Amino acid sequence: PLPVSTRPQPIRAVAPGTQLATRQLARPSYVVGAMAGSRRDADRKEKAPPAAPPQQQPGREEEREWVPWIVPVFVAANVALFAVAMYANNCPAHARGRRKCVGAGFLRRFAFQPLSQNPLLGPSSATLQKLGALVWDKVVHEHQGWRLVTCIWLHAGVVHLLANMLSLVLVGLRLEQQFGFGTRGAAFFPGTDIPIIT
């Protein structure tokens, strides 16, 4: 270690441009350099350029905010088509014997089939087939290929409808916000029991 004097150095006024004549004012170069270095560091901190804005991750340039509208339209369409299926079902008009429709007192024509026939609180299987449910014999032998599309929009009951709409809202809204509907978000085919994500 280099010796450092603890004795204070006298300060003398010196005219500008003259050299220091006394050795008392001369300080070792390492002390002067350290002091100058600390001053330079302080000056750099004060004059530091403003921090650059954080760089965006690659592939996320100019990402725009997408307001989801397709998923809410699909949810509304599914609920409306379930109401149409329940209207077409008309359980009280077809109920026989001891089998009573669920909620017939306040739902009237929209009442559910008895729980022994449909535990999911929905229409009868005959009504669903009439509206376009998927029946393989009719698709293959009777060439009713349209059933491959219509079956997507039909639901067996309230439980089935709620499960599908909950998954559609939770997954579909996020996909639509992230990708929009026209790009990769189109891989999500709405109305199915299982989202198709590629």
N, C-alpha and C. Protein backbone atom coordinates (compact mmCIF):
# COMPACT_ATOMS: atom_id res chain seq x y z
N PRO A 1 0.83 -1.20 0.00
CA PRO A 1 0.00 0.00 0.00
C PRO A 1 0.87 1.25 0.00
N LEU A 2 0.39 2.26 -0.65
CA LEU A 2 1.10 3.53 -0.73
C LEU A 2 0.79 4.37 0.50
N PRO A 3 1.77 5.09 1.02
CA PRO A 3 1.51 5.92 2.21
C PRO A 3 0.65 7.12 1.84
N VAL A 4 -0.34 7.36 2.64
CA VAL A 4 -1.22 8.50 2.44
C VAL A 4 -1.08 9.39 3.67
N SER A 5 -0.82 10.64 3.45
CA SER A 5 -0.64 11.59 4.54
C SER A 5 -2.00 11.97 5.10
N THR A 6 -2.11 11.92 6.41
CA THR A 6 -3.35 12.33 7.06
C THR A 6 -3.30 13.77 7.50
N ARG A 7 -2.14 14.37 7.38
CA ARG A 7 -1.97 15.76 7.78
C ARG A 7 -2.59 16.65 6.71
N PRO A 8 -3.42 17.65 7.08
CA PRO A 8 -4.04 18.52 6.08
C PRO A 8 -2.99 19.36 5.37
N GLN A 9 -3.19 19.57 4.11
CA GLN A 9 -2.28 20.35 3.29
C GLN A 9 -2.72 21.82 3.32
N PRO A 10 -1.74 22.76 3.49
CA PRO A 10 -2.13 24.18 3.47
C PRO A 10 -2.53 24.59 2.05
N ILE A 11 -3.49 25.47 1.98
CA ILE A 11 -3.97 25.95 0.69
C ILE A 11 -3.45 27.35 0.49
N ARG A 12 -2.82 27.59 -0.64
CA ARG A 12 -2.30 28.92 -0.97
C ARG A 12 -2.93 29.36 -2.28
N ALA A 13 -3.15 30.63 -2.34
CA ALA A 13 -3.68 31.20 -3.57
C ALA A 13 -2.57 31.28 -4.58
N VAL A 14 -2.82 30.83 -5.77
CA VAL A 14 -1.82 30.83 -6.83
C VAL A 14 -2.43 31.53 -8.02
N ALA A 15 -1.67 32.40 -8.61
CA ALA A 15 -2.16 33.12 -9.78
C ALA A 15 -2.31 32.15 -10.94
N PRO A 16 -3.30 32.39 -11.76
CA PRO A 16 -3.51 31.47 -12.90
C PRO A 16 -2.30 31.48 -13.81
N GLY A 17 -1.95 30.32 -14.30
CA GLY A 17 -0.84 30.16 -15.22
C GLY A 17 0.49 29.96 -14.55
N THR A 18 0.61 30.07 -13.22
CA THR A 18 1.87 29.85 -12.53
C THR A 18 1.92 28.45 -11.99
N GLN A 19 3.13 27.92 -11.85
CA GLN A 19 3.27 26.58 -11.32
C GLN A 19 3.39 26.62 -9.81
N LEU A 20 3.04 25.52 -9.21
CA LEU A 20 3.14 25.43 -7.76
C LEU A 20 4.61 25.34 -7.37
N ALA A 21 5.01 26.20 -6.48
CA ALA A 21 6.41 26.25 -6.10
C ALA A 21 6.68 25.42 -4.87
N THR A 22 5.69 25.15 -4.05
CA THR A 22 5.96 24.44 -2.81
C THR A 22 5.62 22.96 -2.99
N ARG A 23 6.30 22.15 -2.24
CA ARG A 23 6.03 20.72 -2.28
C ARG A 23 4.84 20.37 -1.42
N GLN A 24 4.46 21.27 -0.51
CA GLN A 24 3.35 20.97 0.39
C GLN A 24 2.04 20.83 -0.38
N LEU A 25 1.87 21.58 -1.45
CA LEU A 25 0.61 21.50 -2.19
C LEU A 25 0.63 20.34 -3.19
N ALA A 26 1.77 19.85 -3.50
CA ALA A 26 1.84 18.77 -4.47
C ALA A 26 1.32 17.49 -3.82
N ARG A 27 0.44 16.85 -4.44
CA ARG A 27 -0.12 15.60 -3.93
C ARG A 27 0.37 14.47 -4.81
N PRO A 28 0.43 13.29 -4.26
CA PRO A 28 0.84 12.15 -5.09
C PRO A 28 -0.11 11.98 -6.26
N SER A 29 0.41 11.49 -7.36
CA SER A 29 -0.39 11.40 -8.59
C SER A 29 -1.55 10.41 -8.45
N TYR A 30 -1.37 9.36 -7.64
CA TYR A 30 -2.47 8.42 -7.49
C TYR A 30 -3.65 9.04 -6.76
N VAL A 31 -3.41 9.99 -5.84
CA VAL A 31 -4.50 10.68 -5.15
C VAL A 31 -5.20 11.61 -6.11
N VAL A 32 -4.42 12.35 -6.88
CA VAL A 32 -5.02 13.27 -7.84
C VAL A 32 -5.82 12.49 -8.88
N GLY A 33 -5.24 11.39 -9.36
CA GLY A 33 -5.94 10.58 -10.36
C GLY A 33 -7.22 10.00 -9.81
N ALA A 34 -7.22 9.56 -8.55
CA ALA A 34 -8.43 8.98 -7.95
C ALA A 34 -9.50 10.04 -7.78
N MET A 35 -9.05 11.25 -7.36
CA MET A 35 -10.03 12.33 -7.19
C MET A 35 -10.59 12.75 -8.54
N ALA A 36 -9.74 12.84 -9.52
CA ALA A 36 -10.20 13.23 -10.85
C ALA A 36 -11.13 12.17 -11.41
N GLY A 37 -10.78 10.90 -11.14
CA GLY A 37 -11.63 9.81 -11.63
C GLY A 37 -13.02 9.86 -11.02
N SER A 38 -13.08 10.16 -9.71
CA SER A 38 -14.39 10.22 -9.08
C SER A 38 -15.19 11.40 -9.59
N ARG A 39 -14.50 12.52 -9.88
CA ARG A 39 -15.19 13.67 -10.47
C ARG A 39 -15.69 13.34 -11.86
N ARG A 40 -14.84 12.66 -12.64
CA ARG A 40 -15.27 12.29 -13.99
C ARG A 40 -16.47 11.35 -13.95
N ASP A 41 -16.48 10.40 -12.99
CA ASP A 41 -17.62 9.50 -12.88
C ASP A 41 -18.88 10.25 -12.53
N ALA A 42 -18.76 11.22 -11.61
CA ALA A 42 -19.93 12.02 -11.24
C ALA A 42 -20.42 12.83 -12.43
N ASP A 43 -19.48 13.39 -13.21
CA ASP A 43 -19.88 14.16 -14.40
C ASP A 43 -20.56 13.26 -15.42
N ARG A 44 -20.06 12.05 -15.59
CA ARG A 44 -20.67 11.12 -16.55
C ARG A 44 -22.09 10.76 -16.14
N LYS A 45 -22.30 10.56 -14.84
CA LYS A 45 -23.64 10.22 -14.37
C LYS A 45 -24.61 11.35 -14.62
N GLU A 46 -24.12 12.58 -14.42
CA GLU A 46 -25.00 13.73 -14.65
C GLU A 46 -25.29 13.92 -16.13
N LYS A 47 -24.30 13.66 -16.99
CA LYS A 47 -24.44 13.88 -18.42
C LYS A 47 -24.79 12.61 -19.18
N ALA A 48 -25.19 11.57 -18.48
CA ALA A 48 -25.48 10.29 -19.15
C ALA A 48 -26.67 10.47 -20.09
N PRO A 49 -26.59 9.86 -21.26
CA PRO A 49 -27.72 9.96 -22.18
C PRO A 49 -28.92 9.21 -21.62
N PRO A 50 -30.12 9.62 -22.03
CA PRO A 50 -31.31 8.93 -21.51
C PRO A 50 -31.31 7.46 -21.92
N ALA A 51 -31.87 6.64 -21.07
CA ALA A 51 -31.89 5.20 -21.33
C ALA A 51 -32.73 4.92 -22.57
N ALA A 52 -32.25 3.99 -23.37
CA ALA A 52 -32.98 3.62 -24.58
C ALA A 52 -34.24 2.86 -24.19
N PRO A 53 -35.33 3.03 -24.96
CA PRO A 53 -36.55 2.28 -24.64
C PRO A 53 -36.31 0.79 -24.80
N PRO A 54 -37.00 -0.03 -24.02
CA PRO A 54 -36.77 -1.48 -24.12
C PRO A 54 -37.12 -1.98 -25.51
N GLN A 55 -36.27 -2.88 -26.01
CA GLN A 55 -36.49 -3.41 -27.34
C GLN A 55 -37.63 -4.42 -27.31
N GLN A 56 -38.41 -4.42 -28.40
CA GLN A 56 -39.51 -5.37 -28.50
C GLN A 56 -38.97 -6.73 -28.88
N GLN A 57 -39.71 -7.74 -28.48
CA GLN A 57 -39.31 -9.09 -28.83
C GLN A 57 -39.53 -9.30 -30.32
N PRO A 58 -38.70 -10.13 -30.94
CA PRO A 58 -38.89 -10.36 -32.37
C PRO A 58 -40.25 -11.00 -32.64
N GLY A 59 -40.87 -10.57 -33.71
CA GLY A 59 -42.18 -11.11 -34.09
C GLY A 59 -43.35 -10.37 -33.48
N ARG A 60 -43.08 -9.37 -32.63
CA ARG A 60 -44.17 -8.64 -31.99
C ARG A 60 -44.16 -7.18 -32.37
N GLU A 61 -43.60 -6.85 -33.51
CA GLU A 61 -43.55 -5.47 -33.93
C GLU A 61 -44.96 -4.98 -34.26
N GLU A 62 -45.24 -3.82 -33.77
CA GLU A 62 -46.49 -3.13 -34.05
C GLU A 62 -47.70 -4.03 -33.84
N GLU A 63 -47.76 -4.67 -32.68
CA GLU A 63 -48.89 -5.53 -32.37
C GLU A 63 -50.10 -4.65 -32.05
N ARG A 64 -51.18 -4.88 -32.73
CA ARG A 64 -52.35 -4.04 -32.52
C ARG A 64 -53.35 -4.72 -31.60
N GLU A 65 -54.14 -3.90 -30.96
CA GLU A 65 -55.15 -4.41 -30.03
C GLU A 65 -56.35 -4.88 -30.85
N TRP A 66 -56.76 -6.12 -30.67
CA TRP A 66 -57.90 -6.68 -31.38
C TRP A 66 -59.07 -6.78 -30.43
N VAL A 67 -60.17 -6.19 -30.82
CA VAL A 67 -61.37 -6.26 -29.99
C VAL A 67 -62.14 -7.50 -30.44
N PRO A 68 -62.29 -8.48 -29.56
CA PRO A 68 -62.97 -9.71 -29.97
C PRO A 68 -64.45 -9.48 -30.23
N TRP A 69 -64.91 -9.98 -31.37
CA TRP A 69 -66.33 -9.88 -31.69
C TRP A 69 -66.86 -11.19 -32.26
N ILE A 70 -65.99 -12.01 -32.83
CA ILE A 70 -66.43 -13.28 -33.42
C ILE A 70 -66.92 -14.24 -32.33
N VAL A 71 -66.15 -14.38 -31.26
CA VAL A 71 -66.51 -15.32 -30.19
C VAL A 71 -67.84 -14.94 -29.55
N PRO A 72 -68.08 -13.66 -29.20
CA PRO A 72 -69.41 -13.32 -28.66
C PRO A 72 -70.55 -13.61 -29.64
N VAL A 73 -70.31 -13.43 -30.93
CA VAL A 73 -71.34 -13.75 -31.92
C VAL A 73 -71.63 -15.25 -31.93
N PHE A 74 -70.58 -16.07 -31.85
CA PHE A 74 -70.77 -17.52 -31.82
C PHE A 74 -71.49 -17.97 -30.55
N VAL A 75 -71.18 -17.35 -29.43
CA VAL A 75 -71.87 -17.70 -28.18
C VAL A 75 -73.35 -17.36 -28.30
N ALA A 76 -73.66 -16.17 -28.81
CA ALA A 76 -75.06 -15.77 -28.97
C ALA A 76 -75.78 -16.70 -29.94
N ALA A 77 -75.11 -17.09 -31.04
CA ALA A 77 -75.74 -17.99 -32.01
C ALA A 77 -76.01 -19.36 -31.39
N ASN A 78 -75.07 -19.88 -30.60
CA ASN A 78 -75.28 -21.18 -29.96
C ASN A 78 -76.44 -21.14 -28.98
N VAL A 79 -76.53 -20.08 -28.19
CA VAL A 79 -77.63 -19.96 -27.22
C VAL A 79 -78.96 -19.83 -27.96
N ALA A 80 -78.99 -19.03 -29.04
CA ALA A 80 -80.23 -18.86 -29.81
C ALA A 80 -80.66 -20.17 -30.45
N LEU A 81 -79.72 -20.93 -30.99
CA LEU A 81 -80.08 -22.21 -31.60
C LEU A 81 -80.53 -23.24 -30.56
N PHE A 82 -79.99 -23.14 -29.35
CA PHE A 82 -80.49 -24.03 -28.29
C PHE A 82 -81.93 -23.66 -27.94
N ALA A 83 -82.23 -22.38 -27.91
CA ALA A 83 -83.61 -21.95 -27.65
C ALA A 83 -84.53 -22.44 -28.77
N VAL A 84 -84.08 -22.39 -30.01
CA VAL A 84 -84.87 -22.90 -31.14
C VAL A 84 -85.11 -24.40 -30.98
N ALA A 85 -84.08 -25.14 -30.56
CA ALA A 85 -84.23 -26.59 -30.36
C ALA A 85 -85.23 -26.88 -29.25
N MET A 86 -85.20 -26.10 -28.19
CA MET A 86 -86.16 -26.31 -27.09
C MET A 86 -87.58 -25.94 -27.52
N TYR A 87 -87.71 -24.92 -28.36
CA TYR A 87 -89.03 -24.54 -28.87
C TYR A 87 -89.58 -25.65 -29.77
N ALA A 88 -88.71 -26.19 -30.64
CA ALA A 88 -89.13 -27.27 -31.53
C ALA A 88 -89.43 -28.55 -30.74
N ASN A 89 -88.78 -28.75 -29.62
CA ASN A 89 -88.98 -29.94 -28.81
C ASN A 89 -90.40 -30.00 -28.23
N ASN A 90 -90.86 -28.89 -27.65
CA ASN A 90 -92.22 -28.77 -27.08
C ASN A 90 -92.58 -30.00 -26.24
N CYS A 91 -91.83 -30.21 -25.18
CA CYS A 91 -92.00 -31.37 -24.31
C CYS A 91 -93.42 -31.53 -23.76
N PRO A 92 -94.08 -30.47 -23.26
CA PRO A 92 -95.42 -30.68 -22.70
C PRO A 92 -96.42 -31.26 -23.71
N ALA A 93 -96.27 -30.95 -24.98
CA ALA A 93 -97.21 -31.47 -25.99
C ALA A 93 -96.97 -32.95 -26.25
N HIS A 94 -95.77 -33.46 -25.98
CA HIS A 94 -95.44 -34.85 -26.28
C HIS A 94 -95.31 -35.72 -25.03
N ALA A 95 -95.47 -35.15 -23.86
CA ALA A 95 -95.30 -35.92 -22.62
C ALA A 95 -96.45 -36.89 -22.45
N ARG A 96 -96.11 -38.14 -22.08
CA ARG A 96 -97.14 -39.16 -21.89
C ARG A 96 -96.98 -39.81 -20.52
N GLY A 97 -98.06 -40.14 -19.93
CA GLY A 97 -98.06 -40.92 -18.69
C GLY A 97 -97.38 -40.21 -17.53
N ARG A 98 -96.59 -40.98 -16.80
CA ARG A 98 -95.97 -40.47 -15.58
C ARG A 98 -94.75 -39.61 -15.85
N ARG A 99 -94.22 -39.66 -17.04
CA ARG A 99 -93.03 -38.87 -17.36
C ARG A 99 -93.42 -37.41 -17.53
N LYS A 100 -92.94 -36.61 -16.63
CA LYS A 100 -93.26 -35.18 -16.69
C LYS A 100 -92.03 -34.40 -17.12
N CYS A 101 -92.27 -33.35 -17.85
CA CYS A 101 -91.19 -32.49 -18.31
C CYS A 101 -90.61 -31.71 -17.13
N VAL A 102 -89.34 -31.45 -17.18
CA VAL A 102 -88.66 -30.70 -16.13
C VAL A 102 -88.89 -29.22 -16.37
N GLY A 103 -89.47 -28.54 -15.37
CA GLY A 103 -89.71 -27.11 -15.46
C GLY A 103 -90.90 -26.73 -16.32
N ALA A 104 -91.84 -27.63 -16.50
CA ALA A 104 -92.99 -27.36 -17.37
C ALA A 104 -93.86 -26.23 -16.81
N GLY A 105 -93.87 -26.05 -15.48
CA GLY A 105 -94.71 -25.03 -14.88
C GLY A 105 -94.32 -23.61 -15.30
N PHE A 106 -93.04 -23.30 -15.34
CA PHE A 106 -92.64 -21.93 -15.68
C PHE A 106 -91.97 -21.82 -17.05
N LEU A 107 -91.46 -22.93 -17.60
CA LEU A 107 -90.83 -22.88 -18.92
C LEU A 107 -91.81 -23.15 -20.06
N ARG A 108 -92.92 -23.77 -19.72
CA ARG A 108 -93.97 -24.13 -20.68
C ARG A 108 -93.41 -24.86 -21.89
N ARG A 109 -93.51 -24.29 -23.06
CA ARG A 109 -93.08 -24.97 -24.28
C ARG A 109 -91.57 -25.26 -24.27
N PHE A 110 -90.80 -24.48 -23.56
CA PHE A 110 -89.34 -24.64 -23.51
C PHE A 110 -88.90 -25.62 -22.42
N ALA A 111 -89.82 -26.37 -21.83
CA ALA A 111 -89.49 -27.30 -20.75
C ALA A 111 -88.56 -28.40 -21.26
N PHE A 112 -87.74 -28.93 -20.34
CA PHE A 112 -86.77 -29.97 -20.67
C PHE A 112 -87.43 -31.34 -20.65
N GLN A 113 -86.83 -32.27 -21.38
CA GLN A 113 -87.28 -33.66 -21.36
C GLN A 113 -87.08 -34.22 -19.95
N PRO A 114 -87.83 -35.27 -19.59
CA PRO A 114 -87.61 -35.89 -18.27
C PRO A 114 -86.16 -36.34 -18.12
N LEU A 115 -85.65 -36.30 -16.90
CA LEU A 115 -84.26 -36.66 -16.64
C LEU A 115 -83.94 -38.09 -17.04
N SER A 116 -84.93 -38.97 -17.05
CA SER A 116 -84.69 -40.35 -17.48
C SER A 116 -84.38 -40.41 -18.98
N GLN A 117 -84.88 -39.45 -19.75
CA GLN A 117 -84.61 -39.41 -21.20
C GLN A 117 -83.38 -38.57 -21.54
N ASN A 118 -83.21 -37.45 -20.85
CA ASN A 118 -82.07 -36.58 -21.13
C ASN A 118 -81.58 -35.96 -19.81
N PRO A 119 -80.55 -36.54 -19.21
CA PRO A 119 -80.05 -36.02 -17.93
C PRO A 119 -79.30 -34.69 -18.06
N LEU A 120 -79.05 -34.22 -19.28
CA LEU A 120 -78.34 -32.96 -19.48
C LEU A 120 -79.28 -31.76 -19.54
N LEU A 121 -80.54 -31.96 -19.26
CA LEU A 121 -81.55 -30.89 -19.29
C LEU A 121 -81.65 -30.28 -20.70
N GLY A 122 -82.19 -31.05 -21.61
CA GLY A 122 -82.30 -30.58 -22.98
C GLY A 122 -83.44 -31.24 -23.72
N PRO A 123 -83.42 -31.16 -25.05
CA PRO A 123 -84.49 -31.72 -25.87
C PRO A 123 -84.34 -33.23 -26.05
N SER A 124 -85.31 -33.83 -26.69
CA SER A 124 -85.26 -35.27 -26.96
C SER A 124 -84.29 -35.55 -28.10
N SER A 125 -83.87 -36.80 -28.21
CA SER A 125 -82.96 -37.18 -29.29
C SER A 125 -83.66 -37.10 -30.64
N ALA A 126 -84.96 -37.34 -30.66
CA ALA A 126 -85.71 -37.24 -31.92
C ALA A 126 -85.71 -35.80 -32.43
N THR A 127 -85.86 -34.83 -31.53
CA THR A 127 -85.82 -33.42 -31.93
C THR A 127 -84.45 -33.05 -32.45
N LEU A 128 -83.42 -33.51 -31.78
CA LEU A 128 -82.06 -33.21 -32.24
C LEU A 128 -81.79 -33.82 -33.61
N GLN A 129 -82.28 -35.03 -33.86
CA GLN A 129 -82.10 -35.66 -35.18
C GLN A 129 -82.87 -34.89 -36.25
N LYS A 130 -84.04 -34.41 -35.90
CA LYS A 130 -84.85 -33.64 -36.85
C LYS A 130 -84.15 -32.33 -37.22
N LEU A 131 -83.42 -31.72 -36.26
CA LEU A 131 -82.74 -30.45 -36.49
C LEU A 131 -81.35 -30.60 -37.10
N GLY A 132 -80.86 -31.82 -37.24
CA GLY A 132 -79.58 -32.02 -37.93
C GLY A 132 -78.47 -32.62 -37.10
N ALA A 133 -78.82 -33.40 -36.08
CA ALA A 133 -77.78 -34.07 -35.29
C ALA A 133 -77.04 -35.08 -36.16
N LEU A 134 -75.85 -35.42 -35.74
CA LEU A 134 -75.01 -36.33 -36.52
C LEU A 134 -75.48 -37.77 -36.34
N VAL A 135 -76.01 -38.34 -37.43
CA VAL A 135 -76.41 -39.74 -37.48
C VAL A 135 -75.66 -40.35 -38.65
N TRP A 136 -74.73 -41.25 -38.37
CA TRP A 136 -73.83 -41.76 -39.41
C TRP A 136 -74.59 -42.45 -40.55
N ASP A 137 -75.61 -43.19 -40.22
CA ASP A 137 -76.37 -43.87 -41.27
C ASP A 137 -76.95 -42.88 -42.27
N LYS A 138 -77.46 -41.77 -41.76
CA LYS A 138 -78.05 -40.77 -42.65
C LYS A 138 -76.97 -40.05 -43.46
N VAL A 139 -75.80 -39.85 -42.88
CA VAL A 139 -74.72 -39.18 -43.61
C VAL A 139 -74.18 -40.11 -44.70
N VAL A 140 -73.96 -41.37 -44.36
CA VAL A 140 -73.33 -42.29 -45.29
C VAL A 140 -74.33 -42.84 -46.32
N HIS A 141 -75.45 -43.35 -45.86
CA HIS A 141 -76.38 -44.04 -46.76
C HIS A 141 -77.39 -43.10 -47.42
N GLU A 142 -77.77 -42.06 -46.75
CA GLU A 142 -78.77 -41.13 -47.32
C GLU A 142 -78.12 -39.85 -47.84
N HIS A 143 -76.79 -39.80 -47.80
CA HIS A 143 -76.00 -38.68 -48.35
C HIS A 143 -76.41 -37.32 -47.77
N GLN A 144 -76.59 -37.27 -46.44
CA GLN A 144 -76.93 -36.02 -45.76
C GLN A 144 -75.66 -35.43 -45.13
N GLY A 145 -74.74 -35.01 -45.98
CA GLY A 145 -73.47 -34.45 -45.53
C GLY A 145 -73.61 -33.15 -44.77
N TRP A 146 -74.72 -32.45 -44.95
CA TRP A 146 -74.95 -31.20 -44.24
C TRP A 146 -74.99 -31.41 -42.72
N ARG A 147 -75.26 -32.64 -42.30
CA ARG A 147 -75.30 -32.92 -40.86
C ARG A 147 -73.92 -32.76 -40.20
N LEU A 148 -72.86 -32.85 -40.99
CA LEU A 148 -71.51 -32.65 -40.45
C LEU A 148 -71.30 -31.21 -40.00
N VAL A 149 -72.06 -30.29 -40.56
CA VAL A 149 -71.96 -28.88 -40.18
C VAL A 149 -73.01 -28.52 -39.13
N THR A 150 -74.24 -28.99 -39.31
CA THR A 150 -75.31 -28.60 -38.38
C THR A 150 -75.12 -29.20 -36.99
N CYS A 151 -74.48 -30.36 -36.91
CA CYS A 151 -74.32 -30.99 -35.59
C CYS A 151 -73.42 -30.16 -34.68
N ILE A 152 -72.56 -29.34 -35.28
CA ILE A 152 -71.65 -28.51 -34.49
C ILE A 152 -72.44 -27.50 -33.65
N TRP A 153 -73.55 -27.05 -34.14
CA TRP A 153 -74.31 -25.98 -33.49
C TRP A 153 -75.40 -26.50 -32.55
N LEU A 154 -75.60 -27.81 -32.49
CA LEU A 154 -76.62 -28.39 -31.62
C LEU A 154 -76.01 -28.83 -30.30
N HIS A 155 -76.79 -28.71 -29.23
CA HIS A 155 -76.33 -29.13 -27.91
C HIS A 155 -77.38 -30.01 -27.26
N ALA A 156 -76.92 -31.04 -26.57
CA ALA A 156 -77.82 -32.03 -25.99
C ALA A 156 -78.57 -31.51 -24.77
N GLY A 157 -78.08 -30.44 -24.16
CA GLY A 157 -78.76 -29.90 -22.99
C GLY A 157 -78.05 -28.68 -22.45
N VAL A 158 -78.60 -28.14 -21.36
CA VAL A 158 -78.04 -26.95 -20.74
C VAL A 158 -76.62 -27.22 -20.23
N VAL A 159 -76.39 -28.40 -19.67
CA VAL A 159 -75.06 -28.74 -19.16
C VAL A 159 -74.04 -28.75 -20.30
N HIS A 160 -74.40 -29.37 -21.41
CA HIS A 160 -73.53 -29.42 -22.59
C HIS A 160 -73.29 -28.02 -23.13
N LEU A 161 -74.34 -27.22 -23.22
CA LEU A 161 -74.22 -25.85 -23.73
C LEU A 161 -73.30 -25.00 -22.83
N LEU A 162 -73.50 -25.07 -21.52
CA LEU A 162 -72.67 -24.29 -20.60
C LEU A 162 -71.20 -24.70 -20.66
N ALA A 163 -70.93 -25.99 -20.74
CA ALA A 163 -69.54 -26.46 -20.81
C ALA A 163 -68.88 -25.96 -22.09
N ASN A 164 -69.59 -26.06 -23.21
CA ASN A 164 -69.01 -25.60 -24.48
C ASN A 164 -68.82 -24.09 -24.51
N MET A 165 -69.79 -23.34 -24.03
CA MET A 165 -69.69 -21.88 -24.09
C MET A 165 -68.63 -21.37 -23.13
N LEU A 166 -68.48 -22.03 -22.00
CA LEU A 166 -67.43 -21.63 -21.06
C LEU A 166 -66.05 -21.84 -21.68
N SER A 167 -65.84 -22.99 -22.31
CA SER A 167 -64.55 -23.24 -22.95
C SER A 167 -64.35 -22.32 -24.15
N LEU A 168 -65.42 -22.03 -24.88
CA LEU A 168 -65.32 -21.12 -26.02
C LEU A 168 -64.93 -19.72 -25.57
N VAL A 169 -65.52 -19.25 -24.48
CA VAL A 169 -65.20 -17.91 -23.99
C VAL A 169 -63.79 -17.86 -23.41
N LEU A 170 -63.43 -18.84 -22.60
CA LEU A 170 -62.12 -18.81 -21.95
C LEU A 170 -60.97 -18.97 -22.95
N VAL A 171 -61.11 -19.86 -23.90
CA VAL A 171 -60.05 -20.10 -24.87
C VAL A 171 -60.20 -19.20 -26.09
N GLY A 172 -61.41 -19.12 -26.61
CA GLY A 172 -61.65 -18.39 -27.85
C GLY A 172 -61.39 -16.91 -27.75
N LEU A 173 -61.80 -16.27 -26.66
CA LEU A 173 -61.57 -14.83 -26.51
C LEU A 173 -60.08 -14.52 -26.50
N ARG A 174 -59.32 -15.32 -25.79
CA ARG A 174 -57.87 -15.09 -25.71
C ARG A 174 -57.22 -15.27 -27.08
N LEU A 175 -57.62 -16.32 -27.79
CA LEU A 175 -57.07 -16.54 -29.13
C LEU A 175 -57.43 -15.40 -30.07
N GLU A 176 -58.67 -14.96 -30.00
CA GLU A 176 -59.08 -13.88 -30.90
C GLU A 176 -58.37 -12.57 -30.56
N GLN A 177 -58.16 -12.29 -29.28
CA GLN A 177 -57.43 -11.09 -28.90
C GLN A 177 -55.97 -11.17 -29.35
N GLN A 178 -55.38 -12.34 -29.24
CA GLN A 178 -53.97 -12.50 -29.56
C GLN A 178 -53.72 -12.48 -31.06
N PHE A 179 -54.51 -13.21 -31.83
CA PHE A 179 -54.22 -13.41 -33.24
C PHE A 179 -55.22 -12.75 -34.18
N GLY A 180 -56.36 -12.34 -33.69
CA GLY A 180 -57.41 -11.88 -34.60
C GLY A 180 -58.08 -13.11 -35.20
N PHE A 181 -59.16 -12.92 -35.90
CA PHE A 181 -59.85 -14.07 -36.44
C PHE A 181 -59.30 -14.48 -37.80
N GLY A 182 -58.82 -13.52 -38.58
CA GLY A 182 -58.41 -13.81 -39.94
C GLY A 182 -57.09 -14.54 -40.06
N THR A 183 -56.24 -14.52 -39.04
CA THR A 183 -54.93 -15.17 -39.16
C THR A 183 -54.94 -16.52 -38.47
N ARG A 184 -54.08 -16.71 -37.50
CA ARG A 184 -53.98 -18.01 -36.84
C ARG A 184 -55.17 -18.32 -35.94
N GLY A 185 -55.91 -17.29 -35.54
CA GLY A 185 -57.08 -17.53 -34.70
C GLY A 185 -58.17 -18.30 -35.41
N ALA A 186 -58.12 -18.34 -36.75
CA ALA A 186 -59.11 -19.09 -37.51
C ALA A 186 -58.96 -20.59 -37.31
N ALA A 187 -57.83 -21.02 -36.74
CA ALA A 187 -57.64 -22.44 -36.47
C ALA A 187 -58.57 -22.93 -35.38
N PHE A 188 -59.12 -22.00 -34.63
CA PHE A 188 -60.07 -22.38 -33.58
C PHE A 188 -61.44 -22.49 -34.22
N PHE A 189 -61.94 -23.69 -34.34
CA PHE A 189 -63.24 -23.89 -34.99
C PHE A 189 -64.32 -23.87 -33.92
N PRO A 190 -65.12 -22.81 -33.85
CA PRO A 190 -66.06 -22.64 -32.76
C PRO A 190 -67.21 -23.63 -32.80
N GLY A 191 -67.75 -23.88 -31.63
CA GLY A 191 -68.92 -24.73 -31.53
C GLY A 191 -68.59 -26.19 -31.31
N THR A 192 -67.35 -26.58 -31.50
CA THR A 192 -67.00 -27.99 -31.30
C THR A 192 -66.77 -28.25 -29.82
N ASP A 193 -66.84 -29.51 -29.47
CA ASP A 193 -66.60 -29.87 -28.07
C ASP A 193 -65.13 -29.70 -27.70
N ILE A 194 -64.24 -29.86 -28.68
CA ILE A 194 -62.81 -29.72 -28.43
C ILE A 194 -62.25 -28.70 -29.41
N PRO A 195 -61.63 -27.61 -28.92
CA PRO A 195 -61.05 -26.64 -29.85
C PRO A 195 -59.92 -27.26 -30.66
N ILE A 196 -59.90 -26.94 -31.95
CA ILE A 196 -58.85 -27.43 -32.83
C ILE A 196 -57.82 -26.33 -32.94
N ILE A 197 -56.67 -26.50 -32.25
CA ILE A 197 -55.63 -25.47 -32.25
C ILE A 197 -54.39 -26.08 -32.88
N THR A 198 -53.90 -25.43 -33.96
CA THR A 198 -52.69 -25.94 -34.63
C THR A 198 -51.59 -24.94 -34.52
